[in-house]
Amino acid sequence: MTTADQAGHTAIVFPGMGPSRFAEVGRFLMLDPFARRRLAEADEALGLSVFDHFREATEDYSEFSQVAFLVNSMAMADRAEETLGIVPDFCAGPSFGQKAAAAYVGSLSFADVVRLTAELARCEEDFFRQEYTDVVTHSFLRVPDERLKEILAEFDDRGAWYEFSGFLDAGFHMLSVREKDLDGLKKRISDAGGYSMYSMWPPVHAPSFTALRRRAEEEVLSRYELADPRLPVVTDQDGTVIRTAAEMRTMLLDTFDRPINWPDVVRTLKDMGVSKVAVTGPDNLFHRLDCTKSAFEVVAVGLNNKRARERRA
């Protein structure tokens, strides 16, 4: 089947997780009917109040911050289906969005994904309190490739460790570095005319984190049985289209030690004839990226309960 034959397809995209704070989304969790329904399911899955534990969380990426982000992402997917009539042909979930994607396509039940999310959060936090304790993942944009090569050459010259954790758009990257090198990196980014966004701990998606991948597989994911996805899923690492439970399991493990590559996802979706993407969840990034807006009609189903459209540029 040619791309022309497939034109007009829709993809649902679950966003990666940005800082999630109770002050920003607590009211939504309490009042939105879709969120309340998913929150009740999450409470039942964990045997406790996600809302109460989230309210007490002090870290942006804490266990219950992650569960709350998952709840909100799934709630917005419910809204997209029930009120906007979104019927997707493909699914993608960059970074943390993989978890919501796994539930949406039926590879795991929502309850299992809630438990998996909590268990993986504890596994990651414990790992990074023992290994790579001084590493953060820094996101920045508007740095041309040539200037970035110069910055990284300086790292190489002094033997400083770094690894790419993500490629989000032209000039927009995620780089994992030692915390002691972060201020210098920010200064060089600024000098290059770029803009630093935020730094994440625990760090993510760096090739050196293979030990975390093995631990997550042995201690957590091995206890879950996945099913074949009901929709084709586009992997966030290289844009591969996957259709089996085994491939889903590999994708969930790849997230620990393979950088995400959003332009590859966009390229695959375009090649598969997708013309519209619905980004469902608390997203301040993926629906705004130039490569997303230039390729698709974007429907952003966010926490403001409004339907936001951005036509192709």
Protein backbone atom coordinates (compact mmCIF):
# COMPACT_ATOMS: atom_id res chain seq x y z
CA MET A 1 0.00 0.00 0.00
CA THR A 2 1.39 3.39 -0.98
CA THR A 3 1.55 6.49 1.15
CA ALA A 4 -1.11 8.07 -1.04
CA ASP A 5 -3.43 5.12 -0.36
CA GLN A 6 -2.95 5.63 3.38
CA ALA A 7 -3.39 9.41 3.44
CA GLY A 8 -5.66 10.75 6.13
CA HIS A 9 -4.67 8.46 8.99
CA THR A 10 -4.63 9.63 12.60
CA ALA A 11 -2.10 8.85 15.31
CA ILE A 12 -2.51 9.22 19.05
CA VAL A 13 0.62 10.43 20.84
CA PHE A 14 1.22 10.19 24.57
CA PRO A 15 3.76 12.83 25.58
CA GLY A 16 6.95 12.46 27.49
CA MET A 17 6.83 13.63 31.08
CA GLY A 18 7.79 17.13 32.07
CA PRO A 19 7.92 18.34 35.67
CA SER A 20 4.59 17.38 37.26
CA ARG A 21 3.53 19.27 40.36
CA PHE A 22 0.41 18.88 42.47
CA ALA A 23 -0.18 22.64 42.53
CA GLU A 24 -0.55 22.61 38.75
CA VAL A 25 -2.69 19.52 38.18
CA GLY A 26 -4.24 18.58 41.54
CA ARG A 27 -7.46 20.48 40.86
CA PHE A 28 -7.80 18.78 37.48
CA LEU A 29 -7.39 15.34 39.05
CA MET A 30 -10.09 16.15 41.58
CA LEU A 31 -12.68 17.72 39.28
CA ASP A 32 -12.33 16.35 35.75
CA PRO A 33 -14.66 13.35 35.29
CA PHE A 34 -12.26 11.48 33.01
CA ALA A 35 -9.38 11.98 35.42
CA ARG A 36 -11.47 11.01 38.43
CA ARG A 37 -12.42 7.75 36.77
CA ARG A 38 -8.82 6.87 35.93
CA LEU A 39 -7.66 8.02 39.36
CA ALA A 40 -10.10 5.61 41.03
CA GLU A 41 -8.69 2.78 38.91
CA ALA A 42 -5.15 3.76 39.90
CA ASP A 43 -6.11 3.85 43.59
CA GLU A 44 -7.55 0.37 43.30
CA ALA A 45 -4.46 -0.92 41.47
CA LEU A 46 -2.09 0.35 44.18
CA GLY A 47 -4.37 -0.04 47.19
CA LEU A 48 -3.84 3.55 48.31
CA SER A 49 -4.76 7.15 47.46
CA VAL A 50 -2.66 8.38 44.57
CA PHE A 51 -4.08 11.87 45.07
CA ASP A 52 -2.96 12.05 48.71
CA HIS A 53 0.53 10.70 48.01
CA PHE A 54 0.94 12.98 45.00
CA ARG A 55 -0.05 15.98 47.12
CA GLU A 56 2.76 15.11 49.56
CA ALA A 57 5.40 14.54 46.85
CA THR A 58 8.36 16.91 46.86
CA GLU A 59 10.15 15.75 43.69
CA ASP A 60 9.01 16.56 40.14
CA TYR A 61 9.55 12.97 38.99
CA SER A 62 8.57 11.12 42.15
CA GLU A 63 6.77 7.79 42.03
CA PHE A 64 3.36 9.37 42.54
CA SER A 65 4.10 12.30 40.24
CA GLN A 66 4.68 9.71 37.53
CA VAL A 67 1.49 7.82 38.32
CA ALA A 68 -0.47 11.09 38.29
CA PHE A 69 1.01 11.99 34.90
CA LEU A 70 -0.02 8.57 33.59
CA VAL A 71 -3.55 9.06 34.97
CA ASN A 72 -3.87 12.45 33.29
CA SER A 73 -2.52 11.17 29.98
CA MET A 74 -5.02 8.31 29.89
CA ALA A 75 -7.85 10.61 30.99
CA MET A 76 -7.15 12.90 28.06
CA ALA A 77 -7.10 9.92 25.69
CA ASP A 78 -10.55 9.00 27.04
CA ARG A 79 -11.69 12.56 26.39
CA ALA A 80 -10.25 12.51 22.87
CA GLU A 81 -12.25 9.41 22.06
CA GLU A 82 -15.51 10.23 23.83
CA THR A 83 -15.89 13.94 23.12
CA LEU A 84 -13.72 14.61 20.06
CA GLY A 85 -14.33 11.36 18.21
CA ILE A 86 -10.63 10.58 17.79
CA VAL A 87 -10.18 7.08 16.32
CA PRO A 88 -6.45 6.53 15.83
CA ASP A 89 -4.76 4.21 13.37
CA PHE A 90 -1.32 4.39 15.01
CA CYS A 91 0.08 5.07 18.45
CA ALA A 92 3.32 6.60 19.71
CA GLY A 93 4.60 7.44 23.17
CA PRO A 94 7.95 9.20 23.40
CA SER A 95 9.88 8.57 26.62
CA PHE A 96 7.48 8.26 29.57
CA GLY A 97 4.61 8.22 27.08
CA GLN A 98 5.49 4.59 26.33
CA LYS A 99 3.70 3.57 29.51
CA ALA A 100 0.38 5.18 28.59
CA ALA A 101 0.80 3.82 25.06
CA ALA A 102 1.20 0.27 26.42
CA ALA A 103 -2.11 0.61 28.26
CA TYR A 104 -3.91 2.29 25.37
CA VAL A 105 -3.04 -0.40 22.83
CA GLY A 106 -3.90 -3.19 25.29
CA SER A 107 -0.43 -4.67 25.70
CA LEU A 108 -0.98 -4.26 29.44
CA SER A 109 -4.08 -3.41 31.41
CA PHE A 110 -4.24 0.09 32.85
CA ALA A 111 -4.00 -1.36 36.35
CA ASP A 112 -0.84 -3.24 35.41
CA VAL A 113 0.66 -0.11 33.87
CA VAL A 114 -0.07 1.82 37.06
CA ARG A 115 1.75 -0.83 39.09
CA LEU A 116 4.55 -1.03 36.53
CA THR A 117 5.00 2.74 36.62
CA ALA A 118 5.29 2.81 40.41
CA GLU A 119 7.68 -0.14 40.51
CA LEU A 120 9.92 1.21 37.77
CA ALA A 121 10.04 4.61 39.46
CA ARG A 122 11.29 2.99 42.66
CA CYS A 123 13.76 0.84 40.69
CA GLU A 124 15.19 3.87 38.86
CA GLU A 125 15.47 6.01 41.96
CA ASP A 126 17.26 3.26 43.85
CA PHE A 127 19.63 2.64 40.94
CA PHE A 128 20.61 6.29 40.56
CA ARG A 129 21.19 6.69 44.26
CA GLN A 130 23.93 4.08 43.84
CA GLU A 131 25.15 4.47 40.25
CA TYR A 132 25.71 7.60 38.16
CA THR A 133 24.73 9.58 41.23
CA ASP A 134 26.07 12.84 39.81
CA VAL A 135 24.47 12.64 36.35
CA VAL A 136 21.59 14.79 35.10
CA THR A 137 19.88 14.98 31.71
CA HIS A 138 19.78 18.52 30.34
CA SER A 139 17.41 19.70 27.57
CA PHE A 140 18.30 22.65 25.35
CA LEU A 141 17.35 24.12 21.99
CA ARG A 142 18.40 26.56 19.27
CA VAL A 143 21.97 25.25 19.11
CA PRO A 144 23.09 24.65 15.51
CA ASP A 145 24.85 21.36 14.84
CA GLU A 146 28.22 23.01 14.18
CA ARG A 147 28.15 24.89 17.47
CA LEU A 148 27.10 21.76 19.31
CA LYS A 149 30.04 19.87 17.81
CA GLU A 150 32.33 22.58 19.17
CA ILE A 151 30.81 22.28 22.65
CA LEU A 152 31.16 18.50 22.66
CA ALA A 153 34.73 18.73 21.34
CA GLU A 154 35.56 20.74 24.45
CA PHE A 155 34.08 17.94 26.57
CA ASP A 156 36.21 15.42 24.66
CA ASP A 157 39.38 17.47 25.03
CA ARG A 158 39.15 17.43 28.82
CA GLY A 159 37.84 13.86 29.06
CA ALA A 160 34.46 14.90 30.42
CA TRP A 161 31.67 12.30 30.21
CA TYR A 162 28.50 12.97 28.22
CA GLU A 163 25.96 10.99 26.22
CA PHE A 164 22.99 11.96 24.10
CA SER A 165 19.65 11.06 25.64
CA GLY A 166 17.34 12.53 23.04
CA PHE A 167 16.94 14.23 19.68
CA LEU A 168 13.73 16.25 19.72
CA ASP A 169 13.95 18.64 16.76
CA ALA A 170 16.49 20.58 14.73
CA GLY A 171 18.86 22.09 17.29
CA PHE A 172 16.88 20.61 20.18
CA HIS A 173 18.62 17.91 22.22
CA MET A 174 18.78 16.08 25.53
CA LEU A 175 22.30 15.53 26.83
CA SER A 176 23.32 13.60 29.95
CA VAL A 177 26.32 15.09 31.76
CA ARG A 178 28.01 15.11 35.14
CA GLU A 179 26.41 17.67 37.42
CA LYS A 180 29.76 19.44 37.89
CA ASP A 181 29.82 20.13 34.14
CA LEU A 182 26.25 21.45 33.94
CA ASP A 183 26.93 25.13 34.59
CA GLY A 184 29.68 25.17 31.98
CA LEU A 185 27.38 23.47 29.49
CA LYS A 186 24.65 26.03 30.10
CA LYS A 187 27.09 28.87 29.55
CA ARG A 188 28.33 27.41 26.26
CA ILE A 189 24.74 26.88 25.14
CA SER A 190 23.97 30.51 25.89
CA ASP A 191 27.14 31.66 24.14
CA ALA A 192 26.03 29.69 21.07
CA GLY A 193 22.70 31.53 21.03
CA GLY A 194 20.83 28.58 22.48
CA TYR A 195 18.39 28.25 25.32
CA SER A 196 18.57 25.84 28.26
CA MET A 197 15.24 24.38 29.32
CA TYR A 198 15.53 22.06 32.33
CA SER A 199 17.69 19.42 33.92
CA MET A 200 16.24 16.07 34.98
CA TRP A 201 17.11 13.77 37.85
CA PRO A 202 16.96 10.84 37.65
CA PRO A 203 18.65 11.03 34.24
CA VAL A 204 17.19 9.15 31.28
CA HIS A 205 17.85 7.30 28.01
CA ALA A 206 21.66 7.26 28.04
CA PRO A 207 23.53 4.29 26.48
CA SER A 208 25.59 3.82 29.66
CA PHE A 209 22.51 2.83 31.64
CA THR A 210 22.51 -0.80 30.48
CA ALA A 211 22.76 -2.01 34.08
CA LEU A 212 19.51 -0.21 34.86
CA ARG A 213 17.91 -1.84 31.83
CA ARG A 214 18.93 -5.29 33.06
CA ARG A 215 17.71 -4.56 36.58
CA ALA A 216 14.36 -3.23 35.34
CA GLU A 217 13.92 -6.33 33.20
CA GLU A 218 14.86 -8.80 35.93
CA GLU A 219 13.17 -7.16 38.90
CA VAL A 220 10.10 -5.55 37.35
CA LEU A 221 9.14 -6.20 33.74
CA SER A 222 9.79 -9.96 33.94
CA ARG A 223 6.71 -10.25 36.18
CA TYR A 224 4.36 -8.79 33.56
CA GLU A 225 2.94 -10.63 30.55
CA LEU A 226 2.40 -8.37 27.56
CA ALA A 227 -0.10 -8.88 24.74
CA ASP A 228 0.18 -7.90 21.08
CA PRO A 229 -0.84 -4.23 20.64
CA ARG A 230 -4.24 -3.64 19.07
CA LEU A 231 -2.74 -0.75 17.07
CA PRO A 232 0.65 -0.49 15.39
CA VAL A 233 3.04 1.37 17.69
CA VAL A 234 5.88 3.58 16.48
CA THR A 235 8.94 3.26 18.71
CA ASP A 236 10.41 6.47 20.03
CA GLN A 237 14.02 5.29 19.62
CA ASP A 238 14.15 5.01 15.83
CA GLY A 239 10.61 5.11 14.43
CA THR A 240 10.27 1.36 13.91
CA VAL A 241 6.66 0.16 13.61
CA ILE A 242 5.99 -2.72 16.01
CA ARG A 243 3.03 -5.10 16.19
CA THR A 244 3.94 -7.86 18.67
CA ALA A 245 4.17 -8.30 22.42
CA ALA A 246 7.87 -9.18 22.18
CA GLU A 247 8.57 -5.97 20.29
CA MET A 248 6.60 -3.97 22.87
CA ARG A 249 8.68 -5.47 25.65
CA THR A 250 11.89 -4.56 23.82
CA MET A 251 10.67 -0.99 23.33
CA LEU A 252 9.88 -0.62 27.04
CA LEU A 253 13.40 -1.80 27.87
CA ASP A 254 15.09 0.24 25.17
CA THR A 255 13.91 3.40 26.90
CA PHE A 256 16.52 2.91 29.62
CA ASP A 257 19.61 2.95 27.40
CA ARG A 258 18.63 4.25 23.97
CA PRO A 259 18.08 7.94 23.19
CA ILE A 260 14.68 9.02 21.93
CA ASN A 261 14.48 10.38 18.39
CA TRP A 262 11.27 12.29 17.79
CA PRO A 263 12.07 13.34 14.19
CA ASP A 264 12.35 9.62 13.33
CA VAL A 265 8.87 9.07 14.79
CA VAL A 266 7.50 11.98 12.75
CA ARG A 267 9.14 10.62 9.60
CA THR A 268 7.63 7.15 10.08
CA LEU A 269 4.16 8.51 10.80
CA LYS A 270 4.31 10.62 7.64
CA ASP A 271 5.48 7.61 5.62
CA MET A 272 2.52 5.63 6.97
CA GLY A 273 0.10 8.27 5.70
CA VAL A 274 -0.70 9.98 9.00
CA SER A 275 -2.00 13.51 8.50
CA LYS A 276 -3.32 14.25 12.02
CA VAL A 277 -1.90 13.58 15.47
CA ALA A 278 -3.78 13.87 18.75
CA VAL A 279 -1.37 14.60 21.60
CA THR A 280 -3.21 13.53 24.74
CA GLY A 281 -1.87 14.50 28.13
CA PRO A 282 -0.12 17.28 30.06
CA ASP A 283 2.16 18.19 27.15
CA ASN A 284 4.09 21.44 26.87
CA LEU A 285 6.53 20.15 24.28
CA PHE A 286 5.77 17.57 21.61
CA HIS A 287 2.72 19.24 20.06
CA ARG A 288 4.69 22.49 19.83
CA LEU A 289 7.80 21.17 18.09
CA ASP A 290 8.38 22.53 14.60
CA CYS A 291 8.82 19.06 13.12
CA THR A 292 5.41 18.06 14.52
CA LYS A 293 3.55 21.18 13.41
CA SER A 294 5.07 21.17 9.93
CA ALA A 295 4.09 17.55 9.31
CA PHE A 296 0.59 17.20 10.78
CA GLU A 297 -2.63 18.78 11.83
CA VAL A 298 -2.15 18.75 15.60
CA VAL A 299 -4.95 18.26 18.10
CA ALA A 300 -3.63 19.00 21.59
CA VAL A 301 -5.90 17.45 24.21
CA GLY A 302 -4.50 18.93 27.39
CA LEU A 303 -5.56 19.76 30.91
CA ASN A 304 -7.39 22.93 29.96
CA ASN A 305 -10.11 20.76 28.40
CA LYS A 306 -9.99 22.81 25.23
CA ARG A 307 -9.38 21.54 21.74
CA ALA A 308 -6.32 23.26 20.33
CA ARG A 309 -5.58 22.95 16.61
CA GLU A 310 -2.49 23.97 14.75
CA ARG A 311 -2.61 23.56 10.99
CA ARG A 312 0.37 22.60 8.92
CA ALA A 313 2.85 25.43 8.52
